[in-house]
N, C-alpha and C. Protein backbone atom coordinates (compact mmCIF):
# COMPACT_ATOMS: atom_id res chain seq x y z
N MET A 1 -203.00 -146.02 -158.51
CA MET A 1 -202.08 -145.33 -159.40
C MET A 1 -200.65 -145.73 -159.10
N ALA A 2 -199.88 -145.88 -160.14
CA ALA A 2 -198.45 -146.11 -160.00
C ALA A 2 -197.76 -144.77 -160.23
N HIS A 3 -196.58 -144.60 -159.65
CA HIS A 3 -195.85 -143.34 -159.78
C HIS A 3 -194.46 -143.60 -160.32
N PHE A 4 -194.02 -142.72 -161.21
CA PHE A 4 -192.72 -142.85 -161.84
C PHE A 4 -191.98 -141.52 -161.75
N ALA A 5 -190.70 -141.62 -161.39
CA ALA A 5 -189.84 -140.44 -161.32
C ALA A 5 -189.08 -140.31 -162.63
N GLU A 6 -189.11 -139.12 -163.19
CA GLU A 6 -188.29 -138.83 -164.37
C GLU A 6 -186.93 -138.35 -163.86
N LEU A 7 -185.87 -138.93 -164.40
CA LEU A 7 -184.52 -138.62 -163.95
C LEU A 7 -183.73 -137.89 -165.02
N ASP A 8 -182.81 -137.02 -164.59
CA ASP A 8 -181.87 -136.43 -165.55
C ASP A 8 -180.67 -137.37 -165.70
N LYS A 9 -179.67 -136.96 -166.45
CA LYS A 9 -178.51 -137.82 -166.71
C LYS A 9 -177.71 -138.15 -165.46
N ASP A 10 -177.87 -137.36 -164.39
CA ASP A 10 -177.17 -137.60 -163.12
C ASP A 10 -178.06 -138.31 -162.09
N ASN A 11 -179.20 -138.83 -162.53
CA ASN A 11 -180.17 -139.52 -161.68
C ASN A 11 -180.86 -138.61 -160.67
N ILE A 12 -180.93 -137.33 -160.98
CA ILE A 12 -181.68 -136.38 -160.15
C ILE A 12 -183.12 -136.37 -160.64
N VAL A 13 -184.07 -136.41 -159.69
CA VAL A 13 -185.49 -136.43 -160.04
C VAL A 13 -185.91 -135.07 -160.59
N ILE A 14 -186.44 -135.08 -161.80
CA ILE A 14 -186.93 -133.87 -162.46
C ILE A 14 -188.40 -133.66 -162.14
N SER A 15 -189.15 -134.77 -162.16
CA SER A 15 -190.59 -134.71 -161.91
C SER A 15 -191.10 -136.10 -161.58
N VAL A 16 -192.32 -136.16 -161.07
CA VAL A 16 -192.96 -137.44 -160.76
C VAL A 16 -194.32 -137.46 -161.44
N HIS A 17 -194.63 -138.58 -162.11
CA HIS A 17 -195.87 -138.71 -162.86
C HIS A 17 -196.65 -139.94 -162.40
N ALA A 18 -197.96 -139.82 -162.40
CA ALA A 18 -198.84 -140.94 -162.07
C ALA A 18 -199.24 -141.65 -163.36
N VAL A 19 -199.31 -142.97 -163.27
CA VAL A 19 -199.73 -143.80 -164.40
C VAL A 19 -200.79 -144.77 -163.87
N ALA A 20 -201.87 -144.93 -164.61
CA ALA A 20 -202.95 -145.82 -164.19
C ALA A 20 -202.42 -147.25 -164.03
N ASN A 21 -202.91 -147.92 -163.01
CA ASN A 21 -202.45 -149.29 -162.72
C ASN A 21 -202.62 -150.24 -163.90
N HIS A 22 -203.72 -150.11 -164.64
CA HIS A 22 -203.94 -151.04 -165.75
C HIS A 22 -202.88 -150.89 -166.85
N VAL A 23 -202.26 -149.73 -166.93
CA VAL A 23 -201.23 -149.49 -167.96
C VAL A 23 -199.98 -150.31 -167.67
N ILE A 24 -199.67 -150.51 -166.40
CA ILE A 24 -198.42 -151.21 -166.06
C ILE A 24 -198.64 -152.66 -165.64
N ALA A 25 -199.87 -153.14 -165.73
CA ALA A 25 -200.17 -154.51 -165.30
C ALA A 25 -199.73 -155.53 -166.36
N ASP A 26 -199.09 -156.60 -165.89
CA ASP A 26 -198.75 -157.69 -166.80
C ASP A 26 -199.97 -158.60 -166.95
N SER A 27 -199.83 -159.72 -167.66
CA SER A 27 -200.96 -160.61 -167.93
C SER A 27 -201.55 -161.23 -166.66
N ASP A 28 -200.75 -161.24 -165.57
CA ASP A 28 -201.24 -161.77 -164.29
C ASP A 28 -201.76 -160.66 -163.37
N GLY A 29 -201.74 -159.42 -163.83
CA GLY A 29 -202.24 -158.31 -163.03
C GLY A 29 -201.20 -157.70 -162.10
N ASN A 30 -199.94 -158.14 -162.21
CA ASN A 30 -198.87 -157.61 -161.37
C ASN A 30 -198.22 -156.40 -162.04
N ASP A 31 -197.68 -155.50 -161.20
CA ASP A 31 -196.97 -154.32 -161.73
C ASP A 31 -195.76 -154.75 -162.54
N ASP A 32 -195.60 -154.13 -163.70
CA ASP A 32 -194.44 -154.35 -164.55
C ASP A 32 -193.83 -152.97 -164.83
N GLU A 33 -192.76 -152.66 -164.10
CA GLU A 33 -192.14 -151.34 -164.21
C GLU A 33 -191.80 -150.99 -165.66
N GLN A 34 -191.31 -151.96 -166.40
CA GLN A 34 -190.90 -151.70 -167.78
C GLN A 34 -192.07 -151.22 -168.63
N LYS A 35 -193.26 -151.74 -168.39
CA LYS A 35 -194.44 -151.28 -169.12
C LYS A 35 -194.70 -149.80 -168.85
N GLY A 36 -194.53 -149.39 -167.61
CA GLY A 36 -194.71 -147.98 -167.26
C GLY A 36 -193.66 -147.11 -167.92
N ILE A 37 -192.43 -147.59 -167.93
CA ILE A 37 -191.34 -146.84 -168.57
C ILE A 37 -191.63 -146.66 -170.06
N GLU A 38 -192.02 -147.74 -170.72
CA GLU A 38 -192.32 -147.67 -172.16
C GLU A 38 -193.49 -146.74 -172.44
N TYR A 39 -194.50 -146.78 -171.59
CA TYR A 39 -195.66 -145.90 -171.74
C TYR A 39 -195.21 -144.43 -171.65
N LEU A 40 -194.44 -144.09 -170.63
CA LEU A 40 -193.99 -142.71 -170.44
C LEU A 40 -193.02 -142.27 -171.53
N GLN A 41 -192.16 -143.17 -171.99
CA GLN A 41 -191.26 -142.82 -173.09
C GLN A 41 -192.04 -142.58 -174.38
N GLY A 42 -193.17 -143.26 -174.52
CA GLY A 42 -194.03 -143.03 -175.68
C GLY A 42 -194.62 -141.62 -175.68
N ILE A 43 -194.80 -141.07 -174.49
CA ILE A 43 -195.34 -139.72 -174.36
C ILE A 43 -194.24 -138.67 -174.39
N TYR A 44 -193.16 -138.91 -173.62
CA TYR A 44 -192.13 -137.89 -173.41
C TYR A 44 -190.85 -138.10 -174.21
N GLY A 45 -190.76 -139.19 -174.92
CA GLY A 45 -189.58 -139.43 -175.76
C GLY A 45 -188.74 -140.60 -175.26
N ASP A 46 -188.14 -141.30 -176.21
CA ASP A 46 -187.36 -142.50 -175.90
C ASP A 46 -186.11 -142.21 -175.07
N SER A 47 -185.62 -140.99 -175.10
CA SER A 47 -184.38 -140.69 -174.37
C SER A 47 -184.64 -140.34 -172.91
N THR A 48 -185.90 -140.29 -172.50
CA THR A 48 -186.20 -139.95 -171.10
C THR A 48 -185.90 -141.16 -170.20
N LEU A 49 -185.49 -140.87 -168.95
CA LEU A 49 -185.15 -141.91 -167.98
C LEU A 49 -186.21 -141.94 -166.89
N TRP A 50 -186.65 -143.16 -166.51
CA TRP A 50 -187.72 -143.31 -165.54
C TRP A 50 -187.41 -144.41 -164.55
N LYS A 51 -187.86 -144.23 -163.30
CA LYS A 51 -187.81 -145.27 -162.27
C LYS A 51 -189.14 -145.21 -161.53
N GLN A 52 -189.70 -146.37 -161.26
CA GLN A 52 -190.93 -146.40 -160.50
C GLN A 52 -190.62 -146.06 -159.04
N THR A 53 -191.53 -145.34 -158.43
CA THR A 53 -191.39 -144.98 -157.03
C THR A 53 -192.65 -145.39 -156.29
N SER A 54 -192.54 -145.60 -155.01
CA SER A 54 -193.67 -146.08 -154.22
C SER A 54 -194.17 -144.98 -153.31
N TYR A 55 -195.44 -144.63 -153.47
CA TYR A 55 -196.06 -143.61 -152.63
C TYR A 55 -196.01 -144.01 -151.16
N ASN A 56 -196.08 -145.31 -150.89
CA ASN A 56 -196.04 -145.83 -149.52
C ASN A 56 -194.62 -146.22 -149.11
N ALA A 57 -193.63 -145.96 -149.95
CA ALA A 57 -192.23 -146.31 -149.70
C ALA A 57 -192.05 -147.80 -149.44
N THR A 58 -192.83 -148.63 -150.13
CA THR A 58 -192.70 -150.08 -149.98
C THR A 58 -191.53 -150.64 -150.77
N PHE A 59 -190.99 -149.85 -151.68
CA PHE A 59 -189.75 -150.20 -152.37
C PHE A 59 -189.02 -148.91 -152.71
N ARG A 60 -187.73 -149.02 -152.94
CA ARG A 60 -186.84 -147.89 -153.20
C ARG A 60 -186.83 -146.89 -152.04
N LYS A 61 -187.09 -147.37 -150.85
CA LYS A 61 -186.94 -146.69 -149.56
C LYS A 61 -187.81 -145.47 -149.35
N ASN A 62 -187.83 -144.53 -150.29
CA ASN A 62 -188.55 -143.27 -150.12
C ASN A 62 -189.29 -142.92 -151.40
N TYR A 63 -190.41 -142.24 -151.24
CA TYR A 63 -191.14 -141.74 -152.40
C TYR A 63 -190.29 -140.64 -153.04
N ALA A 64 -190.13 -140.72 -154.34
CA ALA A 64 -189.30 -139.75 -155.05
C ALA A 64 -189.94 -138.36 -155.05
N GLY A 65 -189.11 -137.36 -154.92
CA GLY A 65 -189.55 -135.97 -155.00
C GLY A 65 -188.57 -135.19 -155.86
N THR A 66 -189.04 -134.13 -156.46
CA THR A 66 -188.18 -133.30 -157.30
C THR A 66 -186.95 -132.88 -156.52
N GLY A 67 -185.78 -133.05 -157.14
CA GLY A 67 -184.52 -132.68 -156.50
C GLY A 67 -183.85 -133.82 -155.76
N MET A 68 -184.57 -134.91 -155.53
CA MET A 68 -183.95 -136.07 -154.88
C MET A 68 -183.09 -136.80 -155.91
N LYS A 69 -182.30 -137.76 -155.42
CA LYS A 69 -181.44 -138.52 -156.32
C LYS A 69 -181.79 -140.01 -156.22
N TYR A 70 -181.76 -140.66 -157.38
CA TYR A 70 -181.90 -142.11 -157.37
C TYR A 70 -180.50 -142.69 -157.26
N ASP A 71 -180.25 -143.44 -156.20
CA ASP A 71 -178.96 -144.07 -155.96
C ASP A 71 -179.05 -145.52 -156.44
N GLU A 72 -178.37 -145.82 -157.53
CA GLU A 72 -178.43 -147.16 -158.12
C GLU A 72 -177.92 -148.24 -157.18
N GLY A 73 -176.82 -147.97 -156.49
CA GLY A 73 -176.24 -148.96 -155.59
C GLY A 73 -177.17 -149.35 -154.46
N ARG A 74 -177.90 -148.39 -153.95
CA ARG A 74 -178.85 -148.64 -152.85
C ARG A 74 -180.25 -148.98 -153.37
N ASP A 75 -180.47 -148.77 -154.67
CA ASP A 75 -181.79 -148.89 -155.28
C ASP A 75 -182.79 -148.10 -154.45
N ALA A 76 -182.46 -146.82 -154.24
CA ALA A 76 -183.27 -145.99 -153.36
C ALA A 76 -183.25 -144.53 -153.82
N PHE A 77 -184.34 -143.83 -153.48
CA PHE A 77 -184.39 -142.38 -153.66
C PHE A 77 -183.98 -141.74 -152.35
N LEU A 78 -183.10 -140.74 -152.42
CA LEU A 78 -182.69 -140.06 -151.21
C LEU A 78 -182.43 -138.59 -151.46
N SER A 79 -182.58 -137.82 -150.41
CA SER A 79 -182.29 -136.39 -150.49
C SER A 79 -180.80 -136.22 -150.71
N LEU A 80 -180.44 -135.20 -151.45
CA LEU A 80 -179.03 -134.99 -151.77
C LEU A 80 -178.18 -134.63 -150.57
N ALA A 81 -178.75 -133.87 -149.67
CA ALA A 81 -177.96 -133.40 -148.52
C ALA A 81 -178.80 -133.45 -147.25
N PRO A 82 -178.14 -133.60 -146.13
CA PRO A 82 -178.90 -133.61 -144.87
C PRO A 82 -179.43 -132.22 -144.54
N ILE A 83 -180.41 -132.18 -143.66
CA ILE A 83 -180.97 -130.91 -143.20
C ILE A 83 -179.89 -130.11 -142.49
N TYR A 84 -179.09 -130.81 -141.68
CA TYR A 84 -177.98 -130.19 -140.94
C TYR A 84 -176.71 -130.95 -141.26
N PRO A 85 -175.56 -130.28 -141.28
CA PRO A 85 -174.30 -130.93 -141.61
C PRO A 85 -173.94 -132.13 -140.73
N SER A 86 -174.37 -132.12 -139.49
CA SER A 86 -174.00 -133.21 -138.58
C SER A 86 -174.85 -134.47 -138.77
N TRP A 87 -175.95 -134.37 -139.51
CA TRP A 87 -176.83 -135.52 -139.66
C TRP A 87 -176.20 -136.58 -140.56
N ILE A 88 -176.56 -137.82 -140.32
CA ILE A 88 -175.96 -138.95 -141.03
C ILE A 88 -177.05 -139.74 -141.77
N LEU A 89 -176.62 -140.41 -142.82
CA LEU A 89 -177.55 -141.20 -143.62
C LEU A 89 -177.77 -142.55 -142.96
N ASN A 90 -179.03 -142.85 -142.68
CA ASN A 90 -179.41 -144.16 -142.17
C ASN A 90 -179.45 -145.10 -143.37
N GLU A 91 -178.56 -146.06 -143.42
CA GLU A 91 -178.45 -146.95 -144.57
C GLU A 91 -179.67 -147.86 -144.73
N THR A 92 -180.40 -148.09 -143.67
CA THR A 92 -181.59 -148.94 -143.75
C THR A 92 -182.76 -148.20 -144.38
N THR A 93 -182.99 -146.96 -143.93
CA THR A 93 -184.12 -146.18 -144.43
C THR A 93 -183.74 -145.24 -145.57
N CYS A 94 -182.46 -144.98 -145.73
CA CYS A 94 -181.95 -144.00 -146.69
C CYS A 94 -182.52 -142.61 -146.43
N ARG A 95 -182.63 -142.28 -145.15
CA ARG A 95 -183.06 -140.95 -144.72
C ARG A 95 -181.98 -140.35 -143.82
N TRP A 96 -181.85 -139.04 -143.88
CA TRP A 96 -180.90 -138.35 -143.02
C TRP A 96 -181.48 -138.26 -141.62
N GLU A 97 -180.65 -138.57 -140.62
CA GLU A 97 -181.10 -138.54 -139.23
C GLU A 97 -180.08 -137.82 -138.35
N ALA A 98 -180.60 -137.26 -137.27
CA ALA A 98 -179.73 -136.63 -136.29
C ALA A 98 -178.83 -137.70 -135.68
N PRO A 99 -177.60 -137.33 -135.31
CA PRO A 99 -176.71 -138.31 -134.69
C PRO A 99 -177.17 -138.74 -133.30
N THR A 100 -178.12 -138.00 -132.73
CA THR A 100 -178.71 -138.33 -131.43
C THR A 100 -180.21 -138.49 -131.63
N PRO A 101 -180.81 -139.57 -131.14
CA PRO A 101 -182.26 -139.76 -131.32
C PRO A 101 -183.07 -138.65 -130.67
N TYR A 102 -184.25 -138.41 -131.23
CA TYR A 102 -185.19 -137.44 -130.66
C TYR A 102 -185.55 -137.90 -129.25
N PRO A 103 -185.59 -137.00 -128.28
CA PRO A 103 -185.87 -137.38 -126.89
C PRO A 103 -187.22 -138.07 -126.72
N ASP A 104 -187.24 -139.11 -125.93
CA ASP A 104 -188.46 -139.82 -125.58
C ASP A 104 -189.08 -139.12 -124.38
N GLN A 105 -190.34 -138.75 -124.52
CA GLN A 105 -191.01 -138.02 -123.44
C GLN A 105 -191.79 -138.94 -122.52
N GLY A 106 -191.69 -140.23 -122.73
CA GLY A 106 -192.39 -141.17 -121.86
C GLY A 106 -193.88 -141.18 -122.09
N GLU A 107 -194.59 -141.52 -121.05
CA GLU A 107 -196.04 -141.69 -121.15
C GLU A 107 -196.83 -140.47 -120.67
N ASP A 108 -196.16 -139.43 -120.21
CA ASP A 108 -196.85 -138.25 -119.65
C ASP A 108 -197.50 -137.45 -120.78
N VAL A 109 -198.82 -137.60 -120.93
CA VAL A 109 -199.55 -136.94 -122.01
C VAL A 109 -199.45 -135.43 -121.91
N GLU A 110 -199.57 -134.88 -120.69
CA GLU A 110 -199.47 -133.44 -120.51
C GLU A 110 -198.11 -132.93 -120.98
N LEU A 111 -197.06 -133.64 -120.64
CA LEU A 111 -195.72 -133.24 -121.02
C LEU A 111 -195.56 -133.29 -122.54
N LYS A 112 -196.09 -134.32 -123.17
CA LYS A 112 -196.00 -134.44 -124.62
C LYS A 112 -196.66 -133.27 -125.33
N ASP A 113 -197.72 -132.72 -124.73
CA ASP A 113 -198.42 -131.60 -125.34
C ASP A 113 -197.66 -130.28 -125.18
N LEU A 114 -196.82 -130.19 -124.16
CA LEU A 114 -196.14 -128.94 -123.86
C LEU A 114 -194.69 -128.88 -124.34
N VAL A 115 -194.00 -129.99 -124.28
CA VAL A 115 -192.57 -129.98 -124.55
C VAL A 115 -192.29 -130.40 -125.98
N ARG A 116 -191.53 -129.60 -126.65
CA ARG A 116 -191.06 -129.90 -128.00
C ARG A 116 -189.54 -129.72 -127.98
N TYR A 117 -188.92 -130.30 -128.97
CA TYR A 117 -187.46 -130.17 -129.08
C TYR A 117 -187.12 -129.69 -130.48
N HIS A 118 -186.05 -128.94 -130.56
CA HIS A 118 -185.54 -128.52 -131.86
C HIS A 118 -184.06 -128.88 -131.91
N TRP A 119 -183.56 -129.10 -133.10
CA TRP A 119 -182.17 -129.48 -133.28
C TRP A 119 -181.30 -128.24 -133.20
N GLU A 120 -180.26 -128.31 -132.40
CA GLU A 120 -179.29 -127.23 -132.26
C GLU A 120 -177.98 -127.71 -132.86
N GLU A 121 -177.67 -127.21 -134.01
CA GLU A 121 -176.49 -127.69 -134.75
C GLU A 121 -175.18 -127.38 -134.03
N LEU A 122 -175.08 -126.23 -133.38
CA LEU A 122 -173.83 -125.87 -132.71
C LEU A 122 -173.44 -126.86 -131.62
N SER A 123 -174.44 -127.33 -130.88
CA SER A 123 -174.15 -128.30 -129.81
C SER A 123 -174.41 -129.74 -130.26
N THR A 124 -174.90 -129.88 -131.49
CA THR A 124 -175.33 -131.17 -132.05
C THR A 124 -176.18 -131.96 -131.06
N SER A 125 -177.24 -131.29 -130.60
CA SER A 125 -178.15 -131.94 -129.65
C SER A 125 -179.55 -131.37 -129.79
N TRP A 126 -180.51 -132.11 -129.24
CA TRP A 126 -181.89 -131.64 -129.18
C TRP A 126 -182.03 -130.72 -127.98
N GLU A 127 -182.65 -129.57 -128.17
CA GLU A 127 -182.87 -128.65 -127.08
C GLU A 127 -184.36 -128.45 -126.88
N GLU A 128 -184.76 -128.37 -125.63
CA GLU A 128 -186.16 -128.29 -125.26
C GLU A 128 -186.75 -126.92 -125.61
N THR A 129 -187.95 -126.96 -126.14
CA THR A 129 -188.73 -125.76 -126.39
C THR A 129 -190.06 -125.97 -125.72
N ILE A 130 -190.48 -125.06 -124.87
CA ILE A 130 -191.76 -125.20 -124.18
C ILE A 130 -192.75 -124.23 -124.81
N ASP A 131 -193.85 -124.81 -125.30
CA ASP A 131 -194.90 -123.97 -125.89
C ASP A 131 -195.62 -123.21 -124.79
N PRO A 132 -196.06 -121.99 -125.10
CA PRO A 132 -196.77 -121.20 -124.09
C PRO A 132 -198.13 -121.81 -123.75
């Protein structure tokens, strides 16, 4: 199945629809995004806006979800705002990330099962949480 994001006039994702692969296949069997767009416009109207999205994020960086934005310059779907104000947009993945990487717990399997971290926005750091 191919997936297409319906966009509003501001490129915000309204919904995501699946389209059968044979509908968007060209004469060589390759995906043709325009065929999918025309198919969906035939159902939902010529004025609707569509962009193909990848369930595996093999193109356009992230799978589109309702409320996300399609950024034309990056040719990517991204969340409108970070989870926390201090997080920054990774230009390679187009995902919001903490300014400090998640702590590496090494190879200690027991430790990995017990120690978790949560983001503390006030200190802008990962803080340890130990499960009971």
